[in-house]
C-alpha atoms as a PDB file:
ATOM      1  CA  MET A   1     107.164  68.293  71.847  1.00  0.00           C
ATOM      2  CA  GLY A   2     109.478  65.289  72.240  1.00  0.00           C
ATOM      3  CA  SER A   3     109.193  62.665  74.955  1.00  0.00           C
ATOM      4  CA  SER A   4     112.071  64.221  76.928  1.00  0.00           C
ATOM      5  CA  ASP A   5     110.458  67.658  76.715  1.00  0.00           C
ATOM      6  CA  SER A   6     107.146  66.202  77.842  1.00  0.00           C
ATOM      7  CA  ALA A   7     108.858  64.521  80.776  1.00  0.00           C
ATOM      8  CA  LEU A   8     110.529  67.775  81.787  1.00  0.00           C
ATOM      9  CA  ALA A   9     107.242  69.683  81.533  1.00  0.00           C
ATOM     10  CA  ALA A  10     105.478  67.050  83.635  1.00  0.00           C
ATOM     11  CA  GLU A  11     108.222  67.186  86.263  1.00  0.00           C
ATOM     12  CA  ARG A  12     108.064  70.963  86.310  1.00  0.00           C
ATOM     13  CA  LEU A  13     104.322  70.858  86.938  1.00  0.00           C
ATOM     14  CA  ARG A  14     104.779  68.251  89.640  1.00  0.00           C
ATOM     15  CA  VAL A  15     107.302  70.463  91.476  1.00  0.00           C
ATOM     16  CA  ASP A  16     105.001  73.467  91.083  1.00  0.00           C
ATOM     17  CA  GLY A  17     102.152  71.433  92.531  1.00  0.00           C
ATOM     18  CA  VAL A  18     104.221  70.465  95.588  1.00  0.00           C
ATOM     19  CA  LEU A  19     105.214  74.096  96.127  1.00  0.00           C
ATOM     20  CA  VAL A  20     101.663  75.367  95.799  1.00  0.00           C
ATOM     21  CA  GLN A  21     100.366  72.771  98.239  1.00  0.00           C
ATOM     22  CA  HIS A  22     103.029  73.828 100.747  1.00  0.00           C
ATOM     23  CA  PHE A  23     102.271  77.530 100.257  1.00  0.00           C
ATOM     24  CA  ARG A  24      98.542  77.002 100.700  1.00  0.00           C
ATOM     25  CA  GLU A  25      99.047  74.972 103.849  1.00  0.00           C
ATOM     26  CA  SER A  26     101.397  77.612 105.287  1.00  0.00           C
ATOM     27  CA  GLY A  27      99.012  80.459 104.456  1.00  0.00           C
ATOM     28  CA  LEU A  28     101.591  82.005 102.119  1.00  0.00           C
ATOM     29  CA  SER A  29     104.048  82.664 104.889  1.00  0.00           C
ATOM     30  CA  GLY A  30     107.483  81.500 105.930  1.00  0.00           C
ATOM     31  CA  THR A  31     111.014  81.654 104.540  1.00  0.00           C
ATOM     32  CA  ARG A  32     110.312  79.528 101.474  1.00  0.00           C
ATOM     33  CA  TRP A  33     107.339  81.680 100.471  1.00  0.00           C
ATOM     34  CA  ASP A  34     109.292  84.910 100.987  1.00  0.00           C
ATOM     35  CA  GLN A  35     112.106  83.648  98.769  1.00  0.00           C
ATOM     36  CA  PHE A  36     109.712  82.301  96.142  1.00  0.00           C
ATOM     37  CA  HIS A  37     107.601  85.425  95.786  1.00  0.00           C
ATOM     38  CA  ARG A  38     110.638  87.726  95.602  1.00  0.00           C
ATOM     39  CA  GLN A  39     112.073  85.605  92.801  1.00  0.00           C
ATOM     40  CA  LEU A  40     108.695  85.524  91.080  1.00  0.00           C
ATOM     41  CA  LEU A  41     108.352  89.314  91.181  1.00  0.00           C
ATOM     42  CA  ALA A  42     111.874  89.777  89.795  1.00  0.00           C
ATOM     43  CA  TYR A  43     111.159  87.292  87.006  1.00  0.00           C
ATOM     44  CA  GLY A  44     107.827  88.931  86.205  1.00  0.00           C
ATOM     45  CA  LEU A  45     109.325  92.413  86.088  1.00  0.00           C
ATOM     46  CA  THR A  46     112.004  91.288  83.632  1.00  0.00           C
ATOM     47  CA  ILE A  47     109.509  89.619  81.285  1.00  0.00           C
ATOM     48  CA  VAL A  48     106.773  92.254  81.502  1.00  0.00           C
ATOM     49  CA  THR A  49     109.205  95.148  81.010  1.00  0.00           C
ATOM     50  CA  LYS A  50     110.440  93.525  77.795  1.00  0.00           C
ATOM     51  CA  LEU A  51     106.849  93.038  76.631  1.00  0.00           C
ATOM     52  CA  VAL A  52     105.955  96.681  77.299  1.00  0.00           C
ATOM     53  CA  ARG A  53     109.110  98.134  75.751  1.00  0.00           C
ATOM     54  CA  SER A  54     108.830  96.016  72.596  1.00  0.00           C
ATOM     55  CA  GLY A  55     105.103  96.610  72.180  1.00  0.00           C
ATOM     56  CA  ALA A  56     104.442  92.880  72.328  1.00  0.00           C
ATOM     57  CA  MET A  57     102.275  93.470  75.410  1.00  0.00           C
ATOM     58  CA  PHE A  58      99.515  94.887  73.204  1.00  0.00           C
ATOM     59  CA  ALA A  59      99.470  91.725  71.092  1.00  0.00           C
ATOM     60  CA  ARG A  60      99.375  89.577  74.238  1.00  0.00           C
ATOM     61  CA  CYS A  61      96.429  91.595  75.561  1.00  0.00           C
ATOM     62  CA  GLY A  62      94.674  91.211  72.215  1.00  0.00           C
ATOM     63  CA  GLN A  63      95.083  87.445  72.459  1.00  0.00           C
ATOM     64  CA  GLN A  64      93.138  87.660  75.717  1.00  0.00           C
ATOM     65  CA  GLY A  65      90.416  89.650  73.959  1.00  0.00           C
ATOM     66  CA  ARG A  66      91.448  92.944  75.573  1.00  0.00           C
ATOM     67  CA  PHE A  67      92.313  95.256  72.706  1.00  0.00           C
ATOM     68  CA  LEU A  68      94.018  98.553  73.501  1.00  0.00           C
ATOM     69  CA  HIS A  69      94.505 101.749  71.538  1.00  0.00           C
ATOM     70  CA  ARG A  70      98.288 101.780  71.411  1.00  0.00           C
ATOM     71  CA  GLN A  71     100.070 104.958  72.391  1.00  0.00           C
ATOM     72  CA  GLU A  72     103.824 105.468  72.360  1.00  0.00           C
ATOM     73  CA  ILE A  73     105.283 104.831  75.804  1.00  0.00           C
ATOM     74  CA  PRO A  74     108.486 106.723  76.651  1.00  0.00           C
ATOM     75  CA  PRO A  75     111.286 104.297  77.610  1.00  0.00           C
ATOM     76  CA  GLN A  76     111.591 105.793  81.069  1.00  0.00           C
ATOM     77  CA  GLU A  77     107.911 105.057  81.778  1.00  0.00           C
ATOM     78  CA  ALA A  78     107.850 101.522  80.419  1.00  0.00           C
ATOM     79  CA  GLU A  79     109.345 100.079  83.599  1.00  0.00           C
ATOM     80  CA  GLU A  80     106.854 102.003  85.738  1.00  0.00           C
ATOM     81  CA  LEU A  81     103.961 100.531  83.764  1.00  0.00           C
ATOM     82  CA  ALA A  82     105.553  97.088  83.937  1.00  0.00           C
ATOM     83  CA  SER A  83     106.063  97.418  87.687  1.00  0.00           C
ATOM     84  CA  ASP A  84     102.408  98.358  88.236  1.00  0.00           C
ATOM     85  CA  ALA A  85     101.233  95.480  86.040  1.00  0.00           C
ATOM     86  CA  VAL A  86     103.457  93.042  87.928  1.00  0.00           C
ATOM     87  CA  TYR A  87     102.117  94.250  91.282  1.00  0.00           C
ATOM     88  CA  ASP A  88      98.481  93.956  90.168  1.00  0.00           C
ATOM     89  CA  GLY A  89      99.254  90.631  88.503  1.00  0.00           C
ATOM     90  CA  TYR A  90     100.828  89.396  91.716  1.00  0.00           C
ATOM     91  CA  VAL A  91      97.681  90.283  93.681  1.00  0.00           C
ATOM     92  CA  TYR A  92      95.617  88.287  91.179  1.00  0.00           C
ATOM     93  CA  PHE A  93      98.116  85.414  91.276  1.00  0.00           C
ATOM     94  CA  ARG A  94      98.114  85.328  95.087  1.00  0.00           C
ATOM     95  CA  ASP A  95      94.412  85.869  95.766  1.00  0.00           C
ATOM     96  CA  ARG A  96      92.858  83.900  92.923  1.00  0.00           C
ATOM     97  CA  GLY A  97      95.579  81.603  91.678  1.00  0.00           C
ATOM     98  CA  LEU A  98      96.846  80.335  95.018  1.00  0.00           C
ATOM     99  CA  LEU A  99      94.376  81.201  97.777  1.00  0.00           C
ATOM    100  CA  GLY A 100      91.389  80.994  95.417  1.00  0.00           C
ATOM    101  CA  ARG A 101      92.724  77.703  94.014  1.00  0.00           C
ATOM    102  CA  GLU A 102      92.331  78.810  90.405  1.00  0.00           C
ATOM    103  CA  TRP A 103      95.759  77.405  89.580  1.00  0.00           C
ATOM    104  CA  ALA A 104      95.880  73.615  89.431  1.00  0.00           C
ATOM    105  CA  VAL A 105      98.368  71.072  88.115  1.00  0.00           C
ATOM    106  CA  GLU A 106      95.622  69.504  86.008  1.00  0.00           C
ATOM    107  CA  ARG A 107      95.358  72.665  83.882  1.00  0.00           C
ATOM    108  CA  GLY A 108      98.884  72.123  82.658  1.00  0.00           C
ATOM    109  CA  GLN A 109     100.230  75.651  83.041  1.00  0.00           C
ATOM    110  CA  PRO A 110     103.480  76.206  84.963  1.00  0.00           C
ATOM    111  CA  LEU A 111     103.350  78.718  87.796  1.00  0.00           C
ATOM    112  CA  ASN A 112     105.625  81.269  86.138  1.00  0.00           C
ATOM    113  CA  GLU A 113     103.538  81.234  82.945  1.00  0.00           C
ATOM    114  CA  TYR A 114     100.371  81.625  84.968  1.00  0.00           C
ATOM    115  CA  PHE A 115     101.939  84.576  86.757  1.00  0.00           C
ATOM    116  CA  VAL A 116     103.002  86.315  83.526  1.00  0.00           C
ATOM    117  CA  ASN A 117      99.500  85.806  82.124  1.00  0.00           C
ATOM    118  CA  ALA A 118      98.097  87.380  85.295  1.00  0.00           C
ATOM    119  CA  CYS A 119     100.363  90.395  84.693  1.00  0.00           C
ATOM    120  CA  VAL A 120      99.185  90.610  81.083  1.00  0.00           C
ATOM    121  CA  PHE A 121      95.595  90.431  82.317  1.00  0.00           C
ATOM    122  CA  ALA A 122      96.322  93.305  84.722  1.00  0.00           C
ATOM    123  CA  PHE A 123      98.058  95.493  82.130  1.00  0.00           C
ATOM    124  CA  PRO A 124      94.987  97.041  80.401  1.00  0.00           C
ATOM    125  CA  ASN A 125      93.776  98.715  83.594  1.00  0.00           C
ATOM    126  CA  VAL A 126      97.299  99.881  84.423  1.00  0.00           C
ATOM    127  CA  TYR A 127      97.699 101.244  80.895  1.00  0.00           C
ATOM    128  CA  ARG A 128      94.353 103.034  80.998  1.00  0.00           C
ATOM    129  CA  ARG A 129      95.249 104.738  84.272  1.00  0.00           C
ATOM    130  CA  TRP A 130      98.547 105.825  82.740  1.00  0.00           C
ATOM    131  CA  GLN A 131      96.806 107.188  79.619  1.00  0.00           C
ATOM    132  CA  THR A 132      94.357 109.137  81.730  1.00  0.00           C
ATOM    133  CA  ARG A 133      97.184 110.631  83.784  1.00  0.00           C
ATOM    134  CA  VAL A 134      99.331 111.442  80.750  1.00  0.00           C
ATOM    135  CA  ASN A 135      96.608 112.753  78.453  1.00  0.00           C
ATOM    136  CA  GLY A 136      94.025 114.169  80.798  1.00  0.00           C
ATOM    137  CA  TRP A 137      90.413 114.295  79.673  1.00  0.00           C
ATOM    138  CA  GLN A 138      90.932 117.622  77.907  1.00  0.00           C
ATOM    139  CA  ASP A 139      93.673 116.269  75.633  1.00  0.00           C
ATOM    140  CA  VAL A 140      92.092 113.002  74.562  1.00  0.00           C
ATOM    141  CA  ARG A 141      91.977 112.620  70.777  1.00  0.00           C
ATOM    142  CA  LEU A 142      89.659 109.993  69.346  1.00  0.00           C
ATOM    143  CA  VAL A 143      89.678 111.172  65.734  1.00  0.00           C
ATOM    144  CA  ASP A 144      90.974 107.929  64.265  1.00  0.00           C
ATOM    145  CA  THR A 145      88.526 105.775  66.187  1.00  0.00           C
ATOM    146  CA  LEU A 146      85.531 108.015  65.558  1.00  0.00           C
ATOM    147  CA  ALA A 147      86.403 108.303  61.898  1.00  0.00           C
ATOM    148  CA  SER A 148      86.562 104.556  61.453  1.00  0.00           C
ATOM    149  CA  LEU A 149      83.386 103.929  63.446  1.00  0.00           C
ATOM    150  CA  GLU A 150      81.280 106.714  61.992  1.00  0.00           C
ATOM    151  CA  ASN A 151      82.873 107.071  58.523  1.00  0.00           C
ATOM    152  CA  VAL A 152      83.471 110.742  59.228  1.00  0.00           C
ATOM    153  CA  VAL A 153      86.638 111.045  57.210  1.00  0.00           C
ATOM    154  CA  ALA A 154      85.434 110.846  53.641  1.00  0.00           C
ATOM    155  CA  GLU A 155      87.436 109.485  50.750  1.00  0.00           C
ATOM    156  CA  GLY A 156      89.232 112.207  48.840  1.00  0.00           C
ATOM    157  CA  THR A 157      92.506 114.042  48.574  1.00  0.00           C
ATOM    158  CA  PRO A 158      94.918 114.246  51.525  1.00  0.00           C
ATOM    159  CA  GLU A 159      93.955 117.907  51.883  1.00  0.00           C
ATOM    160  CA  ASP A 160      90.289 116.961  52.143  1.00  0.00           C
ATOM    161  CA  ALA A 161      91.107 114.416  54.832  1.00  0.00           C
ATOM    162  CA  VAL A 162      93.058 117.000  56.848  1.00  0.00           C
ATOM    163  CA  ILE A 163      90.205 119.505  56.679  1.00  0.00           C
ATOM    164  CA  GLU A 164      87.684 116.820  57.593  1.00  0.00           C
ATOM    165  CA  GLN A 165      89.796 115.654  60.494  1.00  0.00           C
ATOM    166  CA  GLN A 166      90.187 119.203  61.815  1.00  0.00           C
ATOM    167  CA  ALA A 167      86.419 119.550  61.767  1.00  0.00           C
ATOM    168  CA  VAL A 168      86.048 116.335  63.760  1.00  0.00           C
ATOM    169  CA  ASP A 169      88.639 117.585  66.259  1.00  0.00           C
ATOM    170  CA  ALA A 170      86.671 120.777  66.714  1.00  0.00           C
ATOM    171  CA  ALA A 171      83.449 118.833  67.180  1.00  0.00           C
ATOM    172  CA  PHE A 172      85.046 116.595  69.775  1.00  0.00           C
ATOM    173  CA  ALA A 173      86.469 119.615  71.636  1.00  0.00           C
ATOM    174  CA  ALA A 174      82.971 121.127  71.742  1.00  0.00           C
ATOM    175  CA  LEU A 175      81.575 118.127  73.615  1.00  0.00           C
ATOM    176  CA  SER A 176      81.051 118.320  77.347  1.00  0.00           C
ATOM    177  CA  GLU A 177      83.711 116.826  79.597  1.00  0.00           C
ATOM    178  CA  ASP A 178      81.293 114.015  80.519  1.00  0.00           C
ATOM    179  CA  SER A 179      80.797 113.148  76.841  1.00  0.00           C
ATOM    180  CA  ARG A 180      84.530 113.149  76.201  1.00  0.00           C
ATOM    181  CA  ARG A 181      85.022 110.925  79.216  1.00  0.00           C
ATOM    182  CA  LEU A 182      82.391 108.479  77.976  1.00  0.00           C
ATOM    183  CA  LEU A 183      83.937 108.296  74.511  1.00  0.00           C
ATOM    184  CA  PHE A 184      87.413 107.866  75.946  1.00  0.00           C
ATOM    185  CA  LEU A 185      86.395 104.989  78.209  1.00  0.00           C
ATOM    186  CA  HIS A 186      84.439 103.338  75.413  1.00  0.00           C
ATOM    187  CA  ASP A 187      87.407 103.690  73.059  1.00  0.00           C
ATOM    188  CA  GLN A 188      89.656 102.031  75.631  1.00  0.00           C
ATOM    189  CA  GLY A 189      87.479  98.933  75.733  1.00  0.00           C
ATOM    190  CA  TYR A 190      85.385  99.478  78.852  1.00  0.00           C
ATOM    191  CA  SER A 191      81.951  97.881  78.641  1.00  0.00           C
ATOM    192  CA  HIS A 192      78.784  99.886  79.215  1.00  0.00           C
ATOM    193  CA  ALA A 193      78.411  98.200  82.600  1.00  0.00           C
ATOM    194  CA  GLU A 194      81.992  99.082  83.611  1.00  0.00           C
ATOM    195  CA  ILE A 195      81.559 102.699  82.515  1.00  0.00           C
ATOM    196  CA  GLY A 196      78.303 102.835  84.418  1.00  0.00           C
ATOM    197  CA  GLU A 197      80.030 101.715  87.607  1.00  0.00           C
ATOM    198  CA  LEU A 198      82.706 104.394  87.173  1.00  0.00           C
ATOM    199  CA  LEU A 199      80.287 107.223  86.389  1.00  0.00           C
ATOM    200  CA  ARG A 200      77.299 106.030  88.451  1.00  0.00           C
ATOM    201  CA  LEU A 201      75.042 105.491  85.446  1.00  0.00           C
ATOM    202  CA  THR A 202      72.997 102.545  84.276  1.00  0.00           C
ATOM    203  CA  PRO A 203      74.383 100.599  81.279  1.00  0.00           C
ATOM    204  CA  ARG A 204      71.389 101.761  79.225  1.00  0.00           C
ATOM    205  CA  ALA A 205      72.089 105.405  80.098  1.00  0.00           C
ATOM    206  CA  VAL A 206      75.744 104.935  79.137  1.00  0.00           C
ATOM    207  CA  GLU A 207      74.750 103.425  75.797  1.00  0.00           C
ATOM    208  CA  GLY A 208      72.397 106.317  75.045  1.00  0.00           C
ATOM    209  CA  ARG A 209      74.907 109.001  75.974  1.00  0.00           C
ATOM    210  CA  ILE A 210      77.672 107.415  73.902  1.00  0.00           C
ATOM    211  CA  ARG A 211      75.332 107.217  70.917  1.00  0.00           C
ATOM    212  CA  ARG A 212      74.359 110.888  71.263  1.00  0.00           C
ATOM    213  CA  ALA A 213      77.977 112.012  71.730  1.00  0.00           C
ATOM    214  CA  ARG A 214      79.145 110.135  68.651  1.00  0.00           C
ATOM    215  CA  LEU A 215      76.211 111.494  66.659  1.00  0.00           C
ATOM    216  CA  ALA A 216      77.124 115.044  67.711  1.00  0.00           C
ATOM    217  CA  VAL A 217      80.701 114.548  66.541  1.00  0.00           C
ATOM    218  CA  ARG A 218      79.501 113.169  63.227  1.00  0.00           C
ATOM    219  CA  ARG A 219      76.945 115.910  62.577  1.00  0.00           C
ATOM    220  CA  ARG A 220      79.023 118.971  63.334  1.00  0.00           C
ATOM    221  CA  PRO A 221      81.465 118.598  60.395  1.00  0.00           C
ATOM    222  CA  GLU A 222      78.497 118.036  58.093  1.00  0.00           C
ATOM    223  CA  GLU A 223      76.789 121.201  59.380  1.00  0.00           C
ATOM    224  CA  GLU A 224      79.924 123.296  58.887  1.00  0.00           C
ATOM    225  CA  ARG A 225      80.490 122.336  55.264  1.00  0.00           C
END
């Protein structure tokens, strides 16, 4: 970065700092705040929609350590997902970044970049809700993940792989709905503690049930050979 670029970045941060101080003192109210947050939401929606439609959102989430099992998103639903991520990101930006004073000039991140990162941070939960709604628990397919984790799909001819995969599908379908739900949440990156909160189980109970469910999926194809 050249000296002129550095000067521009420093000035940008200074202006952001003045704005944030004003917004905090006004309690996030008034004409200036209304204009600012409308512009911010419009900017965020434009950027996040592009990220979702291009698939770059998944890479951005991975950079934050939040890896997602990518599923094709129909173009007409990309903006809906982006809109939800922007709304949730805005809540984070407002409550933690501004009111919670997480954003600070000293950290060197412009407000609009902080806001986009908040939207990226919010996207995994938005995406998971969308997957659950689109797929439903009954239609969840975890063959690829289970195969890679448990080495279910053996090396061999393409025909062998198809037969093996069909057997894994059948084993997964034979699991209880609770077991499928556990495997789905685990596959989507939820921790044992997070799954426990959702299903009212202890983290240890979640760990044990996931282990038994995965073992059942692995054993059934072997038993049917």
